[in-house]
Amino acid sequence: MGKRSIRDVFLFFQVLFIAAAVPFLLRLKLSRVEDLLEPRIPSTAHRDRADLIAEYVETVIRAGRPLVRPGCLTRGVTRYYFLRRDGMDVSLCFGMGRVEGEFVGHCWLVKDEVPFMETRDPRPLYAEMYRISAPARGGLIPSGSNKLEQLRS
């Protein structure tokens, strides 16, 4: 990291605080988590700030142990919280899938209906179970979805 402004340092400590709070947040009902994560008044999105947010989240995950738990939940929830406050239209998806014969979960961001800031597309491996999204207030995926049936087989 190069020279940072006071605003950037403040953002870094906010990221650290939210990342550390993720395990406690996710003990709440998902509808309550959704309410807490969504900004009251989002600002205008700036791509440079999105990159800075992603950089800070990764730094906090790497260096924040044991205060910050590593993993997709911390990464996804923390990025979503700050990117939404920066005015970016992203959704936070939670999914389940079979990986190497075992059911596992994953959390990822979606922007313009495609995975955002992911190293690879999680959709072939994970059936989306819940989505937090700003405009339409996410919620449970309709029960008619064939993805769950595909997982069971």
C-alpha atoms as a PDB file:
ATOM      1  CA  MET A   1       0.000   0.000   0.000  1.00  0.00           C
ATOM      2  CA  GLY A   2       1.212   3.437  -0.900  1.00  0.00           C
ATOM      3  CA  LYS A   3       0.522   6.679   0.926  1.00  0.00           C
ATOM      4  CA  ARG A   4      -3.114   6.814   2.057  1.00  0.00           C
ATOM      5  CA  SER A   5      -5.390   9.671   3.050  1.00  0.00           C
ATOM      6  CA  ILE A   6      -7.139   9.889   6.411  1.00  0.00           C
ATOM      7  CA  ARG A   7     -10.333   8.864   4.584  1.00  0.00           C
ATOM      8  CA  ASP A   8      -8.598   5.698   3.301  1.00  0.00           C
ATOM      9  CA  VAL A   9      -7.287   4.833   6.772  1.00  0.00           C
ATOM     10  CA  PHE A  10     -10.787   5.314   8.186  1.00  0.00           C
ATOM     11  CA  LEU A  11     -12.190   3.049   5.436  1.00  0.00           C
ATOM     12  CA  PHE A  12      -9.594   0.381   6.253  1.00  0.00           C
ATOM     13  CA  PHE A  13     -10.627   0.295   9.924  1.00  0.00           C
ATOM     14  CA  GLN A  14     -14.304   0.201   8.952  1.00  0.00           C
ATOM     15  CA  VAL A  15     -13.540  -2.810   6.724  1.00  0.00           C
ATOM     16  CA  LEU A  16     -11.712  -4.473   9.626  1.00  0.00           C
ATOM     17  CA  PHE A  17     -14.683  -3.873  11.949  1.00  0.00           C
ATOM     18  CA  ILE A  18     -17.310  -5.235   9.527  1.00  0.00           C
ATOM     19  CA  ALA A  19     -15.153  -8.235   8.571  1.00  0.00           C
ATOM     20  CA  ALA A  20     -14.699  -9.105  12.245  1.00  0.00           C
ATOM     21  CA  ALA A  21     -18.466  -8.776  12.816  1.00  0.00           C
ATOM     22  CA  VAL A  22     -19.485 -11.178  10.014  1.00  0.00           C
ATOM     23  CA  PRO A  23     -19.740 -14.312  12.224  1.00  0.00           C
ATOM     24  CA  PHE A  24     -22.045 -12.431  14.598  1.00  0.00           C
ATOM     25  CA  LEU A  25     -24.130 -10.910  11.783  1.00  0.00           C
ATOM     26  CA  LEU A  26     -24.742 -14.299  10.225  1.00  0.00           C
ATOM     27  CA  ARG A  27     -26.276 -15.651  13.424  1.00  0.00           C
ATOM     28  CA  LEU A  28     -29.254 -13.387  12.729  1.00  0.00           C
ATOM     29  CA  LYS A  29     -32.172 -14.173  10.416  1.00  0.00           C
ATOM     30  CA  LEU A  30     -31.151 -13.522   6.817  1.00  0.00           C
ATOM     31  CA  SER A  31     -33.930 -10.953   6.431  1.00  0.00           C
ATOM     32  CA  ARG A  32     -32.405  -9.003   9.360  1.00  0.00           C
ATOM     33  CA  VAL A  33     -28.903  -9.349   7.875  1.00  0.00           C
ATOM     34  CA  GLU A  34     -30.312  -7.976   4.638  1.00  0.00           C
ATOM     35  CA  ASP A  35     -31.702  -4.938   6.455  1.00  0.00           C
ATOM     36  CA  LEU A  36     -28.393  -4.299   8.245  1.00  0.00           C
ATOM     37  CA  LEU A  37     -26.257  -4.625   5.118  1.00  0.00           C
ATOM     38  CA  GLU A  38     -28.323  -2.361   2.920  1.00  0.00           C
ATOM     39  CA  PRO A  39     -27.350   1.339   3.041  1.00  0.00           C
ATOM     40  CA  ARG A  40     -29.869   3.976   3.987  1.00  0.00           C
ATOM     41  CA  ILE A  41     -28.484   6.460   1.442  1.00  0.00           C
ATOM     42  CA  PRO A  42     -25.974   5.049  -1.077  1.00  0.00           C
ATOM     43  CA  SER A  43     -23.472   7.382  -2.674  1.00  0.00           C
ATOM     44  CA  THR A  44     -22.350   7.477  -6.298  1.00  0.00           C
ATOM     45  CA  ALA A  45     -20.252   4.459  -7.336  1.00  0.00           C
ATOM     46  CA  HIS A  46     -16.583   4.950  -8.153  1.00  0.00           C
ATOM     47  CA  ARG A  47     -14.688   2.025  -9.685  1.00  0.00           C
ATOM     48  CA  ASP A  48     -11.418   3.173  -8.083  1.00  0.00           C
ATOM     49  CA  ARG A  49     -13.012   2.938  -4.676  1.00  0.00           C
ATOM     50  CA  ALA A  50     -14.395  -0.552  -5.486  1.00  0.00           C
ATOM     51  CA  ASP A  51     -10.845  -1.701  -6.186  1.00  0.00           C
ATOM     52  CA  LEU A  52      -9.655  -0.080  -2.954  1.00  0.00           C
ATOM     53  CA  ILE A  53     -12.454  -1.781  -1.008  1.00  0.00           C
ATOM     54  CA  ALA A  54     -11.523  -5.161  -2.509  1.00  0.00           C
ATOM     55  CA  GLU A  55      -7.849  -4.543  -1.681  1.00  0.00           C
ATOM     56  CA  TYR A  56      -8.651  -3.644   1.937  1.00  0.00           C
ATOM     57  CA  VAL A  57     -10.936  -6.657   2.368  1.00  0.00           C
ATOM     58  CA  GLU A  58      -8.202  -8.993   1.126  1.00  0.00           C
ATOM     59  CA  THR A  59      -5.615  -7.335   3.389  1.00  0.00           C
ATOM     60  CA  VAL A  60      -7.907  -7.607   6.417  1.00  0.00           C
ATOM     61  CA  ILE A  61      -8.630 -11.283   5.686  1.00  0.00           C
ATOM     62  CA  ARG A  62      -4.913 -12.084   5.317  1.00  0.00           C
ATOM     63  CA  ALA A  63      -3.644 -10.073   8.282  1.00  0.00           C
ATOM     64  CA  GLY A  64      -6.656  -9.947  10.604  1.00  0.00           C
ATOM     65  CA  ARG A  65      -6.500 -13.407  12.164  1.00  0.00           C
ATOM     66  CA  PRO A  66      -7.753 -14.387  14.706  1.00  0.00           C
ATOM     67  CA  LEU A  67     -10.084 -11.357  14.801  1.00  0.00           C
ATOM     68  CA  VAL A  68     -11.208 -11.877  11.195  1.00  0.00           C
ATOM     69  CA  ARG A  69     -12.209 -15.280   9.863  1.00  0.00           C
ATOM     70  CA  PRO A  70     -10.946 -16.106   6.388  1.00  0.00           C
ATOM     71  CA  GLY A  71     -13.320 -17.316   3.707  1.00  0.00           C
ATOM     72  CA  CYS A  72     -16.024 -16.425   1.276  1.00  0.00           C
ATOM     73  CA  LEU A  73     -18.568 -15.326   3.909  1.00  0.00           C
ATOM     74  CA  THR A  74     -16.289 -12.661   5.328  1.00  0.00           C
ATOM     75  CA  ARG A  75     -15.166 -11.615   1.852  1.00  0.00           C
ATOM     76  CA  GLY A  76     -18.657 -11.518   0.329  1.00  0.00           C
ATOM     77  CA  VAL A  77     -20.512  -9.843   3.198  1.00  0.00           C
ATOM     78  CA  THR A  78     -17.806  -7.229   3.757  1.00  0.00           C
ATOM     79  CA  ARG A  79     -17.474  -6.384   0.060  1.00  0.00           C
ATOM     80  CA  TYR A  80     -21.245  -6.201  -0.314  1.00  0.00           C
ATOM     81  CA  TYR A  81     -21.593  -3.877   2.689  1.00  0.00           C
ATOM     82  CA  PHE A  82     -19.067  -1.362   1.363  1.00  0.00           C
ATOM     83  CA  LEU A  83     -19.809  -1.632  -2.361  1.00  0.00           C
ATOM     84  CA  ARG A  84     -23.525  -0.999  -1.725  1.00  0.00           C
ATOM     85  CA  ARG A  85     -22.641   2.036   0.370  1.00  0.00           C
ATOM     86  CA  ASP A  86     -20.540   3.233  -2.515  1.00  0.00           C
ATOM     87  CA  GLY A  87     -23.612   3.047  -4.764  1.00  0.00           C
ATOM     88  CA  MET A  88     -22.693  -0.091  -6.697  1.00  0.00           C
ATOM     89  CA  ASP A  89     -25.577  -2.319  -7.797  1.00  0.00           C
ATOM     90  CA  VAL A  90     -24.403  -5.739  -6.588  1.00  0.00           C
ATOM     91  CA  SER A  91     -26.152  -8.715  -5.009  1.00  0.00           C
ATOM     92  CA  LEU A  92     -24.858 -11.168  -2.421  1.00  0.00           C
ATOM     93  CA  CYS A  93     -25.605 -14.815  -3.208  1.00  0.00           C
ATOM     94  CA  PHE A  94     -25.474 -17.824  -0.920  1.00  0.00           C
ATOM     95  CA  GLY A  95     -25.349 -21.278  -2.458  1.00  0.00           C
ATOM     96  CA  MET A  96     -24.833 -24.949  -1.733  1.00  0.00           C
ATOM     97  CA  GLY A  97     -23.242 -27.605  -3.880  1.00  0.00           C
ATOM     98  CA  ARG A  98     -21.491 -30.939  -4.004  1.00  0.00           C
ATOM     99  CA  VAL A  99     -17.743 -30.603  -4.170  1.00  0.00           C
ATOM    100  CA  GLU A 100     -15.731 -33.811  -4.068  1.00  0.00           C
ATOM    101  CA  GLY A 101     -18.827 -35.693  -2.872  1.00  0.00           C
ATOM    102  CA  GLU A 102     -19.641 -33.405   0.066  1.00  0.00           C
ATOM    103  CA  PHE A 103     -22.206 -30.621   0.445  1.00  0.00           C
ATOM    104  CA  VAL A 104     -20.468 -27.283   0.911  1.00  0.00           C
ATOM    105  CA  GLY A 105     -21.588 -23.686   0.860  1.00  0.00           C
ATOM    106  CA  HIS A 106     -20.251 -20.659  -0.941  1.00  0.00           C
ATOM    107  CA  CYS A 107     -21.017 -16.946  -0.943  1.00  0.00           C
ATOM    108  CA  TRP A 108     -20.338 -14.607  -3.875  1.00  0.00           C
ATOM    109  CA  LEU A 109     -21.220 -11.230  -5.369  1.00  0.00           C
ATOM    110  CA  VAL A 110     -23.216 -10.772  -8.564  1.00  0.00           C
ATOM    111  CA  LYS A 111     -23.195  -7.669 -10.757  1.00  0.00           C
ATOM    112  CA  ASP A 112     -25.237  -7.461 -13.961  1.00  0.00           C
ATOM    113  CA  GLU A 113     -26.308 -11.089 -13.353  1.00  0.00           C
ATOM    114  CA  VAL A 114     -22.752 -12.473 -13.515  1.00  0.00           C
ATOM    115  CA  PRO A 115     -20.356 -13.307 -10.656  1.00  0.00           C
ATOM    116  CA  PHE A 116     -18.339 -10.237  -9.664  1.00  0.00           C
ATOM    117  CA  MET A 117     -14.784 -10.223  -8.283  1.00  0.00           C
ATOM    118  CA  GLU A 118     -14.632 -14.050  -8.365  1.00  0.00           C
ATOM    119  CA  THR A 119     -11.614 -15.954  -9.639  1.00  0.00           C
ATOM    120  CA  ARG A 120     -13.967 -18.472 -11.292  1.00  0.00           C
ATOM    121  CA  ASP A 121     -17.698 -18.769 -11.875  1.00  0.00           C
ATOM    122  CA  PRO A 122     -19.298 -20.503  -8.846  1.00  0.00           C
ATOM    123  CA  ARG A 123     -22.654 -21.117 -10.568  1.00  0.00           C
ATOM    124  CA  PRO A 124     -21.792 -24.510 -12.097  1.00  0.00           C
ATOM    125  CA  LEU A 125     -20.857 -25.850  -8.636  1.00  0.00           C
ATOM    126  CA  TYR A 126     -23.352 -24.139  -6.314  1.00  0.00           C
ATOM    127  CA  ALA A 127     -27.128 -23.863  -6.435  1.00  0.00           C
ATOM    128  CA  GLU A 128     -28.167 -20.393  -5.353  1.00  0.00           C
ATOM    129  CA  MET A 129     -30.275 -20.665  -2.197  1.00  0.00           C
ATOM    130  CA  TYR A 130     -30.628 -17.041  -1.077  1.00  0.00           C
ATOM    131  CA  ARG A 131     -29.833 -13.645  -2.555  1.00  0.00           C
ATOM    132  CA  ILE A 132     -29.539 -10.265  -0.907  1.00  0.00           C
ATOM    133  CA  SER A 133     -30.089  -7.631  -3.492  1.00  0.00           C
ATOM    134  CA  ALA A 134     -30.880  -3.958  -3.245  1.00  0.00           C
ATOM    135  CA  PRO A 135     -33.642  -3.081  -5.657  1.00  0.00           C
ATOM    136  CA  ALA A 136     -35.880  -6.157  -5.459  1.00  0.00           C
ATOM    137  CA  ARG A 137     -35.042  -7.264  -1.909  1.00  0.00           C
ATOM    138  CA  GLY A 138     -33.713 -10.744  -2.687  1.00  0.00           C
ATOM    139  CA  GLY A 139     -34.975 -13.589  -0.617  1.00  0.00           C
ATOM    140  CA  LEU A 140     -35.419 -17.261  -1.108  1.00  0.00           C
ATOM    141  CA  ILE A 141     -35.005 -18.694  -4.578  1.00  0.00           C
ATOM    142  CA  PRO A 142     -38.368 -20.009  -5.872  1.00  0.00           C
ATOM    143  CA  SER A 143     -39.036 -23.620  -4.886  1.00  0.00           C
ATOM    144  CA  GLY A 144     -39.612 -24.570  -8.533  1.00  0.00           C
ATOM    145  CA  SER A 145     -35.890 -24.244  -9.161  1.00  0.00           C
ATOM    146  CA  ASN A 146     -34.381 -27.408 -10.630  1.00  0.00           C
ATOM    147  CA  LYS A 147     -30.960 -26.585  -9.190  1.00  0.00           C
ATOM    148  CA  LEU A 148     -31.829 -28.187  -5.827  1.00  0.00           C
ATOM    149  CA  GLU A 149     -33.010 -31.359  -7.511  1.00  0.00           C
ATOM    150  CA  GLN A 150     -29.779 -31.484  -9.513  1.00  0.00           C
ATOM    151  CA  LEU A 151     -27.793 -31.237  -6.263  1.00  0.00           C
ATOM    152  CA  ARG A 152     -29.610 -34.154  -4.689  1.00  0.00           C
ATOM    153  CA  SER A 153     -28.860 -36.500  -7.576  1.00  0.00           C
END
